[in-house]
Amino acid sequence: MSSKSVEELLNEKKVFQVPKGDPIFASPDITVQKAIEIMQQEHHGYIVLVNNKKVIGVFTETDVSRKILDHSINWDSPVSEFMTANPITIKKDDSVGKAIALMGEGRVYHLPIVDDKGNLEEVLSVRALIRFLAEFYPTEVYNLPPDPDKIVETAEGG
């Protein structure tokens, strides 16, 4: 049994060790309509907006729900008008612990992974991170004690 805490273990694991898919990206001058179509076609809740490979923004489902739905917008407007500019990014050699902290602090579900020049390499999603944690630390994840402050709204079972 390891004497290291989960926090220590998470700080040893690196972002590049988490399995990820290909990033979804486009130019910031595509239309809002096209950006949403790409997200739907690719079954992703984000699109990273790049200019000459440099990450300049992220357009997410949250942006759609907060800035587009229930607003009169021109669907041919550039997505750059609605994106989250200068998003939080991470590098592949950063720790998984840092990624978790950044996601929590920034309340984001997708972190663009960039190289030293700010070029997009991959995207770390909270879903990929959860899968990694559940697979890599099954005992720690499955044996977590219940949250005493959580109120269950529905009955368990069938």
Protein backbone atom coordinates (compact mmCIF):
# COMPACT_ATOMS: atom_id res chain seq x y z
CA MET A 1 0.00 0.00 0.00
CA SER A 2 1.35 3.40 -0.99
CA SER A 3 2.13 5.91 1.73
CA LYS A 4 1.61 8.80 -0.69
CA SER A 5 -1.56 10.85 -0.59
CA VAL A 6 -3.87 11.07 -3.59
CA GLU A 7 -2.77 14.70 -3.96
CA GLU A 8 0.89 13.65 -4.16
CA LEU A 9 0.05 10.96 -6.70
CA LEU A 10 -1.92 13.47 -8.84
CA ASN A 11 1.01 15.85 -8.81
CA GLU A 12 3.30 13.06 -10.04
CA LYS A 13 1.07 12.13 -12.98
CA LYS A 14 1.44 14.34 -16.04
CA VAL A 15 -1.17 15.64 -18.47
CA PHE A 16 0.44 13.78 -21.40
CA GLN A 17 -0.37 10.49 -19.59
CA VAL A 18 -4.14 11.11 -19.85
CA PRO A 19 -5.60 9.58 -23.05
CA LYS A 20 -7.15 12.27 -25.24
CA GLY A 21 -8.76 12.46 -28.66
CA ASP A 22 -7.90 14.83 -31.48
CA PRO A 23 -8.68 18.48 -30.67
CA ILE A 24 -11.56 20.23 -32.41
CA PHE A 25 -10.38 23.59 -33.71
CA ALA A 26 -11.14 26.26 -36.29
CA SER A 27 -10.42 29.83 -37.27
CA PRO A 28 -12.06 32.55 -35.15
CA ASP A 29 -13.68 34.05 -38.24
CA ILE A 30 -16.03 31.11 -38.85
CA THR A 31 -19.68 31.87 -38.21
CA VAL A 32 -21.51 31.01 -35.02
CA GLN A 33 -23.72 28.68 -37.06
CA LYS A 34 -20.68 26.85 -38.51
CA ALA A 35 -19.03 26.55 -35.07
CA ILE A 36 -22.16 24.95 -33.61
CA GLU A 37 -22.45 22.62 -36.61
CA ILE A 38 -18.84 21.48 -36.10
CA MET A 39 -19.46 20.86 -32.40
CA GLN A 40 -22.57 18.82 -33.23
CA GLN A 41 -20.85 16.82 -35.99
CA GLU A 42 -17.85 16.05 -33.79
CA HIS A 43 -19.98 15.38 -30.68
CA HIS A 44 -17.92 17.76 -28.57
CA GLY A 45 -18.96 20.59 -26.28
CA TYR A 46 -16.17 22.90 -27.42
CA ILE A 47 -14.21 24.23 -30.34
CA VAL A 48 -10.77 25.80 -29.88
CA LEU A 49 -10.24 28.92 -31.97
CA VAL A 50 -6.74 29.27 -33.35
CA ASN A 51 -4.90 31.82 -35.44
CA ASN A 52 -1.72 30.43 -37.04
CA LYS A 53 -1.89 27.48 -34.60
CA LYS A 54 -1.96 29.86 -31.58
CA VAL A 55 -4.88 29.43 -29.19
CA ILE A 56 -6.84 32.69 -29.03
CA GLY A 57 -10.18 31.47 -27.69
CA VAL A 58 -12.55 28.65 -26.89
CA PHE A 59 -16.22 28.45 -27.83
CA THR A 60 -18.21 26.06 -25.64
CA GLU A 61 -21.70 24.88 -24.85
CA THR A 62 -21.61 27.30 -21.94
CA ASP A 63 -20.96 30.19 -24.34
CA VAL A 64 -23.91 29.02 -26.43
CA SER A 65 -26.25 28.87 -23.45
CA ARG A 66 -25.14 32.18 -21.90
CA LYS A 67 -24.45 34.35 -24.93
CA ILE A 68 -26.59 32.99 -27.76
CA LEU A 69 -29.72 31.19 -26.57
CA ASP A 70 -32.55 33.58 -25.75
CA HIS A 71 -30.71 36.43 -27.52
CA SER A 72 -31.34 37.85 -30.98
CA ILE A 73 -28.07 37.28 -32.77
CA ASN A 74 -26.97 37.09 -36.37
CA TRP A 75 -26.01 33.44 -36.91
CA ASP A 76 -23.55 34.61 -39.56
CA SER A 77 -21.59 36.65 -36.98
CA PRO A 78 -18.00 35.51 -36.40
CA VAL A 79 -17.72 33.12 -33.49
CA SER A 80 -14.95 35.36 -32.10
CA GLU A 81 -17.70 37.74 -30.89
CA PHE A 82 -18.99 35.03 -28.55
CA MET A 83 -15.91 32.98 -27.66
CA THR A 84 -14.07 33.02 -24.37
CA ALA A 85 -10.92 34.90 -25.31
CA ASN A 86 -7.50 34.08 -23.86
CA PRO A 87 -8.60 30.80 -22.30
CA ILE A 88 -6.78 29.00 -19.53
CA THR A 89 -4.22 26.65 -21.09
CA ILE A 90 -1.91 23.96 -19.81
CA LYS A 91 1.22 22.21 -21.03
CA LYS A 92 1.56 18.46 -21.50
CA ASP A 93 4.30 18.22 -18.85
CA ASP A 94 2.14 19.91 -16.19
CA SER A 95 0.69 17.70 -13.49
CA VAL A 96 -2.78 16.22 -13.48
CA GLY A 97 -3.21 17.92 -10.11
CA LYS A 98 -2.57 21.31 -11.73
CA ALA A 99 -5.10 20.51 -14.48
CA ILE A 100 -7.74 19.62 -11.89
CA ALA A 101 -7.03 22.84 -9.96
CA LEU A 102 -7.23 24.99 -13.11
CA MET A 103 -10.50 23.38 -14.17
CA GLY A 104 -11.97 23.92 -10.73
CA GLU A 105 -10.78 27.50 -10.31
CA GLY A 106 -11.76 28.51 -13.84
CA ARG A 107 -14.96 26.46 -13.88
CA VAL A 108 -14.02 25.03 -17.27
CA TYR A 109 -14.49 21.57 -18.76
CA HIS A 110 -11.86 21.80 -21.51
CA LEU A 111 -8.22 22.91 -21.26
CA PRO A 112 -6.27 23.50 -24.46
CA ILE A 113 -2.83 21.92 -24.20
CA VAL A 114 -0.21 24.17 -25.79
CA ASP A 115 3.49 23.97 -26.53
CA ASP A 116 6.04 26.58 -25.42
CA LYS A 117 5.03 28.85 -28.34
CA GLY A 118 1.30 28.72 -27.46
CA ASN A 119 0.47 26.39 -30.36
CA LEU A 120 -2.44 24.00 -29.85
CA GLU A 121 -1.41 20.38 -29.35
CA GLU A 122 -4.40 18.68 -27.72
CA VAL A 123 -7.37 19.39 -25.46
CA LEU A 124 -7.84 17.91 -22.01
CA SER A 125 -11.50 17.39 -21.19
CA VAL A 126 -12.95 16.82 -17.76
CA ARG A 127 -14.50 13.61 -19.12
CA ALA A 128 -11.07 12.24 -20.13
CA LEU A 129 -9.69 13.27 -16.77
CA ILE A 130 -12.47 11.48 -14.87
CA ARG A 131 -11.95 8.30 -16.91
CA PHE A 132 -8.21 8.47 -16.25
CA LEU A 133 -8.72 8.91 -12.52
CA ALA A 134 -11.27 6.11 -12.32
CA GLU A 135 -8.98 3.73 -14.22
CA PHE A 136 -5.72 4.72 -12.60
CA TYR A 137 -6.97 5.07 -9.03
CA PRO A 138 -9.94 2.67 -8.88
CA THR A 139 -9.57 1.93 -5.17
CA GLU A 140 -9.37 5.60 -4.25
CA VAL A 141 -12.28 6.59 -6.52
CA TYR A 142 -14.64 3.74 -5.71
CA ASN A 143 -13.95 3.77 -1.97
CA LEU A 144 -14.48 7.46 -1.38
CA PRO A 145 -16.68 8.08 1.63
CA PRO A 146 -20.06 9.69 0.96
CA ASP A 147 -20.32 13.45 1.22
CA PRO A 148 -22.15 14.10 4.50
CA ASP A 149 -23.34 17.50 3.26
CA LYS A 150 -24.91 16.12 0.10
CA ILE A 151 -28.67 15.79 0.12
CA VAL A 152 -29.96 13.04 -2.14
CA GLU A 153 -32.98 14.23 -4.11
CA THR A 154 -34.17 10.82 -5.32
CA ALA A 155 -34.32 7.34 -3.85
CA GLU A 156 -31.65 4.87 -4.89
CA GLY A 157 -32.41 1.57 -6.52
CA GLY A 158 -35.00 0.26 -8.89
